[in-house]
């Protein structure tokens, strides 16, 4: 049975889960309808340009969440180390301790990668840049801060993939713990 949703924003988290589960190509209109509990007419009311508009809205939602919860802490926290701690806590929470895959990563690895390349690139670059900026404020040298930021973001993303592939969430939580230990004093 179709349900009534008053706002477009209410649909976006449900769409995100459909894309996270099936990828862009696998997210058929039937799966989108099932995942959102909306009829096709309602879906097209909110997203008249179809699936591509839905994906753009979902990616914008992810960007906004990371901007508010991760990048902002890294860039604006008075104590850079506290901002880095907050990043690790928020990342663990967002990815449900490794039980939730990275939607941007799903799009980066799928056939839709080129279609959304600018947004994907911007997401990862913003994360690396924000972390490198926090590391610089914490006293790291510029080259070391940039290399470490790339290593940490890559480690987090790789741990998500491996945890999912092996169905072992402790891979993600253990990796976060090791990466946290590399960046933060004990």
C-alpha atoms as a PDB file:
ATOM      1  CA  UNK A   1       0.000   0.000   0.000  1.00  0.00           C
ATOM      2  CA  UNK A   2       1.375   3.416  -0.939  1.00  0.00           C
ATOM      3  CA  UNK A   3       1.892   5.850   1.912  1.00  0.00           C
ATOM      4  CA  UNK A   4       1.582   9.589   2.192  1.00  0.00           C
ATOM      5  CA  UNK A   5       4.765  11.593   2.632  1.00  0.00           C
ATOM      6  CA  UNK A   6       4.395  15.331   2.891  1.00  0.00           C
ATOM      7  CA  UNK A   7       7.928  16.439   2.069  1.00  0.00           C
ATOM      8  CA  UNK A   8      10.506  15.489  -0.546  1.00  0.00           C
ATOM      9  CA  UNK A   9      13.154  15.457   2.201  1.00  0.00           C
ATOM     10  CA  UNK A  10      11.288  12.614   3.926  1.00  0.00           C
ATOM     11  CA  UNK A  11      11.891  10.371   0.910  1.00  0.00           C
ATOM     12  CA  UNK A  12      15.630  10.935   0.560  1.00  0.00           C
ATOM     13  CA  UNK A  13      16.847   8.676   3.431  1.00  0.00           C
ATOM     14  CA  UNK A  14      14.681   5.846   2.091  1.00  0.00           C
ATOM     15  CA  UNK A  15      16.049   6.380  -1.414  1.00  0.00           C
ATOM     16  CA  UNK A  16      19.564   6.337   0.016  1.00  0.00           C
ATOM     17  CA  UNK A  17      18.978   2.872   1.427  1.00  0.00           C
ATOM     18  CA  UNK A  18      17.640   1.623  -1.909  1.00  0.00           C
ATOM     19  CA  UNK A  19      20.735   2.954  -3.721  1.00  0.00           C
ATOM     20  CA  UNK A  20      23.001   1.670  -0.955  1.00  0.00           C
ATOM     21  CA  UNK A  21      21.495  -1.805  -1.332  1.00  0.00           C
ATOM     22  CA  UNK A  22      21.156  -2.061  -5.110  1.00  0.00           C
ATOM     23  CA  UNK A  23      23.456   0.617  -6.537  1.00  0.00           C
ATOM     24  CA  UNK A  24      22.261   3.107  -9.108  1.00  0.00           C
ATOM     25  CA  UNK A  25      21.742   0.626 -11.931  1.00  0.00           C
ATOM     26  CA  UNK A  26      20.029  -1.954  -9.728  1.00  0.00           C
ATOM     27  CA  UNK A  27      17.653   0.572  -8.172  1.00  0.00           C
ATOM     28  CA  UNK A  28      14.703  -0.061 -10.477  1.00  0.00           C
ATOM     29  CA  UNK A  29      11.527   1.951 -10.162  1.00  0.00           C
ATOM     30  CA  UNK A  30       9.881  -1.120  -8.617  1.00  0.00           C
ATOM     31  CA  UNK A  31      12.616  -1.346  -5.958  1.00  0.00           C
ATOM     32  CA  UNK A  32      12.451   2.394  -5.339  1.00  0.00           C
ATOM     33  CA  UNK A  33       8.677   2.182  -4.941  1.00  0.00           C
ATOM     34  CA  UNK A  34       9.035  -0.786  -2.592  1.00  0.00           C
ATOM     35  CA  UNK A  35      11.784   0.900  -0.552  1.00  0.00           C
ATOM     36  CA  UNK A  36       9.957   4.194  -0.199  1.00  0.00           C
ATOM     37  CA  UNK A  37       6.436   2.724  -0.026  1.00  0.00           C
ATOM     38  CA  UNK A  38       5.425   5.356  -2.585  1.00  0.00           C
ATOM     39  CA  UNK A  39       3.565   4.866  -5.808  1.00  0.00           C
ATOM     40  CA  UNK A  40       5.258   5.803  -9.056  1.00  0.00           C
ATOM     41  CA  UNK A  41       3.181   8.978  -9.362  1.00  0.00           C
ATOM     42  CA  UNK A  42       4.322  10.189  -5.948  1.00  0.00           C
ATOM     43  CA  UNK A  43       7.935   9.378  -6.735  1.00  0.00           C
ATOM     44  CA  UNK A  44       7.791  11.386  -9.958  1.00  0.00           C
ATOM     45  CA  UNK A  45       5.977  14.186  -8.150  1.00  0.00           C
ATOM     46  CA  UNK A  46       9.009  14.597  -5.882  1.00  0.00           C
ATOM     47  CA  UNK A  47      11.596  13.766  -8.580  1.00  0.00           C
ATOM     48  CA  UNK A  48      10.214  14.699 -12.018  1.00  0.00           C
ATOM     49  CA  UNK A  49      13.574  14.051 -13.728  1.00  0.00           C
ATOM     50  CA  UNK A  50      13.611  10.470 -12.482  1.00  0.00           C
ATOM     51  CA  UNK A  51      16.317   8.304 -11.011  1.00  0.00           C
ATOM     52  CA  UNK A  52      19.196  10.650 -11.801  1.00  0.00           C
ATOM     53  CA  UNK A  53      17.498  13.439  -9.844  1.00  0.00           C
ATOM     54  CA  UNK A  54      16.916  10.998  -6.990  1.00  0.00           C
ATOM     55  CA  UNK A  55      20.593  10.046  -6.941  1.00  0.00           C
ATOM     56  CA  UNK A  56      21.648  13.702  -7.001  1.00  0.00           C
ATOM     57  CA  UNK A  57      19.347  14.421  -4.053  1.00  0.00           C
ATOM     58  CA  UNK A  58      20.718  11.450  -2.111  1.00  0.00           C
ATOM     59  CA  UNK A  59      24.332  12.437  -2.783  1.00  0.00           C
ATOM     60  CA  UNK A  60      23.559  16.029  -1.751  1.00  0.00           C
ATOM     61  CA  UNK A  61      22.020  14.674   1.465  1.00  0.00           C
ATOM     62  CA  UNK A  62      25.186  12.665   2.212  1.00  0.00           C
ATOM     63  CA  UNK A  63      27.335  15.724   1.445  1.00  0.00           C
ATOM     64  CA  UNK A  64      25.263  17.853   3.793  1.00  0.00           C
ATOM     65  CA  UNK A  65      25.471  15.311   6.601  1.00  0.00           C
ATOM     66  CA  UNK A  66      29.244  14.992   6.294  1.00  0.00           C
ATOM     67  CA  UNK A  67      29.628  18.763   6.017  1.00  0.00           C
ATOM     68  CA  UNK A  68      27.683  19.301   9.246  1.00  0.00           C
ATOM     69  CA  UNK A  69      28.965  16.344  11.273  1.00  0.00           C
ATOM     70  CA  UNK A  70      32.466  15.575  10.025  1.00  0.00           C
ATOM     71  CA  UNK A  71      34.024  18.379   8.000  1.00  0.00           C
ATOM     72  CA  UNK A  72      32.741  21.167  10.249  1.00  0.00           C
ATOM     73  CA  UNK A  73      34.256  19.526  13.348  1.00  0.00           C
ATOM     74  CA  UNK A  74      37.558  19.042  11.584  1.00  0.00           C
ATOM     75  CA  UNK A  75      37.699  22.601  10.269  1.00  0.00           C
ATOM     76  CA  UNK A  76      36.135  24.604  13.074  1.00  0.00           C
ATOM     77  CA  UNK A  77      36.655  22.818  16.381  1.00  0.00           C
ATOM     78  CA  UNK A  78      38.790  25.009  18.636  1.00  0.00           C
ATOM     79  CA  UNK A  79      40.904  21.973  19.544  1.00  0.00           C
ATOM     80  CA  UNK A  80      41.991  20.148  16.369  1.00  0.00           C
ATOM     81  CA  UNK A  81      42.421  16.864  18.242  1.00  0.00           C
ATOM     82  CA  UNK A  82      38.857  17.076  19.576  1.00  0.00           C
ATOM     83  CA  UNK A  83      37.673  17.666  16.001  1.00  0.00           C
ATOM     84  CA  UNK A  84      39.523  14.537  14.884  1.00  0.00           C
ATOM     85  CA  UNK A  85      38.013  12.534  17.766  1.00  0.00           C
ATOM     86  CA  UNK A  86      34.578  13.774  16.748  1.00  0.00           C
ATOM     87  CA  UNK A  87      35.256  12.685  13.154  1.00  0.00           C
ATOM     88  CA  UNK A  88      36.009   9.123  14.241  1.00  0.00           C
ATOM     89  CA  UNK A  89      32.942   9.012  16.514  1.00  0.00           C
ATOM     90  CA  UNK A  90      30.637  10.412  13.828  1.00  0.00           C
ATOM     91  CA  UNK A  91      32.026   8.120  11.128  1.00  0.00           C
ATOM     92  CA  UNK A  92      31.532   5.077  13.359  1.00  0.00           C
ATOM     93  CA  UNK A  93      27.975   6.174  14.029  1.00  0.00           C
ATOM     94  CA  UNK A  94      27.136   7.041  10.408  1.00  0.00           C
ATOM     95  CA  UNK A  95      28.412   3.747   9.045  1.00  0.00           C
ATOM     96  CA  UNK A  96      26.744   1.821  11.901  1.00  0.00           C
ATOM     97  CA  UNK A  97      30.129   0.492  13.036  1.00  0.00           C
ATOM     98  CA  UNK A  98      30.742  -1.060   9.621  1.00  0.00           C
ATOM     99  CA  UNK A  99      27.259  -2.469   8.999  1.00  0.00           C
ATOM    100  CA  UNK A 100      26.352   0.289   6.529  1.00  0.00           C
ATOM    101  CA  UNK A 101      28.269   0.762   3.290  1.00  0.00           C
ATOM    102  CA  UNK A 102      29.353   4.151   1.995  1.00  0.00           C
ATOM    103  CA  UNK A 103      26.812   5.297  -0.558  1.00  0.00           C
ATOM    104  CA  UNK A 104      29.350   7.551  -2.263  1.00  0.00           C
ATOM    105  CA  UNK A 105      31.673   4.551  -2.433  1.00  0.00           C
ATOM    106  CA  UNK A 106      28.898   2.480  -4.025  1.00  0.00           C
ATOM    107  CA  UNK A 107      28.505   5.159  -6.685  1.00  0.00           C
ATOM    108  CA  UNK A 108      32.284   5.465  -7.111  1.00  0.00           C
ATOM    109  CA  UNK A 109      32.633   1.752  -7.824  1.00  0.00           C
ATOM    110  CA  UNK A 110      29.569   1.263 -10.009  1.00  0.00           C
ATOM    111  CA  UNK A 111      28.898   1.980 -13.659  1.00  0.00           C
ATOM    112  CA  UNK A 112      27.418   5.329 -12.623  1.00  0.00           C
ATOM    113  CA  UNK A 113      30.841   6.573 -11.474  1.00  0.00           C
ATOM    114  CA  UNK A 114      31.375   8.805 -14.506  1.00  0.00           C
ATOM    115  CA  UNK A 115      27.864  10.236 -14.308  1.00  0.00           C
ATOM    116  CA  UNK A 116      28.487  11.470 -10.744  1.00  0.00           C
ATOM    117  CA  UNK A 117      32.286  11.818 -10.908  1.00  0.00           C
ATOM    118  CA  UNK A 118      32.418  15.476  -9.887  1.00  0.00           C
ATOM    119  CA  UNK A 119      30.250  14.951  -6.818  1.00  0.00           C
ATOM    120  CA  UNK A 120      32.136  11.789  -5.815  1.00  0.00           C
ATOM    121  CA  UNK A 121      35.497  13.497  -6.253  1.00  0.00           C
ATOM    122  CA  UNK A 122      34.324  16.544  -4.279  1.00  0.00           C
ATOM    123  CA  UNK A 123      33.121  14.407  -1.350  1.00  0.00           C
ATOM    124  CA  UNK A 124      36.399  12.561  -0.931  1.00  0.00           C
ATOM    125  CA  UNK A 125      38.518  15.670  -1.573  1.00  0.00           C
ATOM    126  CA  UNK A 126      36.549  17.652   1.028  1.00  0.00           C
ATOM    127  CA  UNK A 127      37.052  14.921   3.618  1.00  0.00           C
ATOM    128  CA  UNK A 128      40.778  14.623   2.921  1.00  0.00           C
ATOM    129  CA  UNK A 129      41.232  18.409   2.906  1.00  0.00           C
ATOM    130  CA  UNK A 130      39.307  18.887   6.156  1.00  0.00           C
ATOM    131  CA  UNK A 131      41.265  16.145   7.920  1.00  0.00           C
ATOM    132  CA  UNK A 132      44.581  17.464   6.578  1.00  0.00           C
ATOM    133  CA  UNK A 133      43.657  20.957   7.833  1.00  0.00           C
ATOM    134  CA  UNK A 134      42.948  19.570  11.310  1.00  0.00           C
ATOM    135  CA  UNK A 135      46.227  17.658  11.279  1.00  0.00           C
ATOM    136  CA  UNK A 136      48.067  20.848  10.288  1.00  0.00           C
ATOM    137  CA  UNK A 137      46.457  22.725  13.180  1.00  0.00           C
ATOM    138  CA  UNK A 138      47.511  19.847  15.444  1.00  0.00           C
ATOM    139  CA  UNK A 139      51.135  20.391  14.449  1.00  0.00           C
ATOM    140  CA  UNK A 140      51.756  18.001  11.554  1.00  0.00           C
ATOM    141  CA  UNK A 141      53.886  19.115   8.639  1.00  0.00           C
ATOM    142  CA  UNK A 142      51.899  19.881   5.454  1.00  0.00           C
ATOM    143  CA  UNK A 143      53.157  16.945   3.399  1.00  0.00           C
ATOM    144  CA  UNK A 144      52.716  14.507   6.285  1.00  0.00           C
ATOM    145  CA  UNK A 145      49.231  15.885   7.064  1.00  0.00           C
ATOM    146  CA  UNK A 146      48.075  15.411   3.466  1.00  0.00           C
ATOM    147  CA  UNK A 147      49.527  11.903   3.195  1.00  0.00           C
ATOM    148  CA  UNK A 148      48.049  10.858   6.517  1.00  0.00           C
ATOM    149  CA  UNK A 149      44.637  12.295   5.644  1.00  0.00           C
ATOM    150  CA  UNK A 150      44.580  10.314   2.375  1.00  0.00           C
ATOM    151  CA  UNK A 151      45.681   7.192   4.214  1.00  0.00           C
ATOM    152  CA  UNK A 152      42.995   7.560   6.892  1.00  0.00           C
ATOM    153  CA  UNK A 153      40.110   8.255   4.507  1.00  0.00           C
ATOM    154  CA  UNK A 154      41.296   5.415   2.264  1.00  0.00           C
ATOM    155  CA  UNK A 155      41.624   3.135   5.287  1.00  0.00           C
ATOM    156  CA  UNK A 156      38.104   3.919   6.450  1.00  0.00           C
ATOM    157  CA  UNK A 157      36.658   3.296   2.989  1.00  0.00           C
ATOM    158  CA  UNK A 158      38.659   0.117   2.486  1.00  0.00           C
ATOM    159  CA  UNK A 159      37.628  -1.194   5.887  1.00  0.00           C
ATOM    160  CA  UNK A 160      33.976  -0.621   4.984  1.00  0.00           C
ATOM    161  CA  UNK A 161      34.356  -2.651   1.801  1.00  0.00           C
ATOM    162  CA  UNK A 162      36.274  -5.442   3.506  1.00  0.00           C
ATOM    163  CA  UNK A 163      33.899  -5.592   6.491  1.00  0.00           C
ATOM    164  CA  UNK A 164      30.971  -5.896   4.094  1.00  0.00           C
ATOM    165  CA  UNK A 165      32.681  -8.424   1.815  1.00  0.00           C
ATOM    166  CA  UNK A 166      33.667 -10.697   4.683  1.00  0.00           C
ATOM    167  CA  UNK A 167      30.584  -9.910   6.802  1.00  0.00           C
ATOM    168  CA  UNK A 168      32.872  -9.037   9.708  1.00  0.00           C
ATOM    169  CA  UNK A 169      32.068  -5.618  11.131  1.00  0.00           C
ATOM    170  CA  UNK A 170      34.989  -5.857  13.542  1.00  0.00           C
ATOM    171  CA  UNK A 171      37.275  -5.209  10.556  1.00  0.00           C
ATOM    172  CA  UNK A 172      35.793  -1.718  10.370  1.00  0.00           C
ATOM    173  CA  UNK A 173      35.811  -1.048  14.111  1.00  0.00           C
ATOM    174  CA  UNK A 174      39.353  -2.421  14.503  1.00  0.00           C
ATOM    175  CA  UNK A 175      40.583  -0.293  11.598  1.00  0.00           C
ATOM    176  CA  UNK A 176      38.956   2.825  13.053  1.00  0.00           C
ATOM    177  CA  UNK A 177      40.631   2.076  16.371  1.00  0.00           C
ATOM    178  CA  UNK A 178      44.067   1.680  14.749  1.00  0.00           C
ATOM    179  CA  UNK A 179      43.643   4.822  12.650  1.00  0.00           C
ATOM    180  CA  UNK A 180      42.443   6.759  15.697  1.00  0.00           C
ATOM    181  CA  UNK A 181      45.553   5.574  17.538  1.00  0.00           C
ATOM    182  CA  UNK A 182      47.781   6.848  14.731  1.00  0.00           C
ATOM    183  CA  UNK A 183      46.258  10.337  14.839  1.00  0.00           C
ATOM    184  CA  UNK A 184      45.437  10.894  18.493  1.00  0.00           C
ATOM    185  CA  UNK A 185      47.687  10.827  21.537  1.00  0.00           C
ATOM    186  CA  UNK A 186      46.871   8.153  24.045  1.00  0.00           C
END
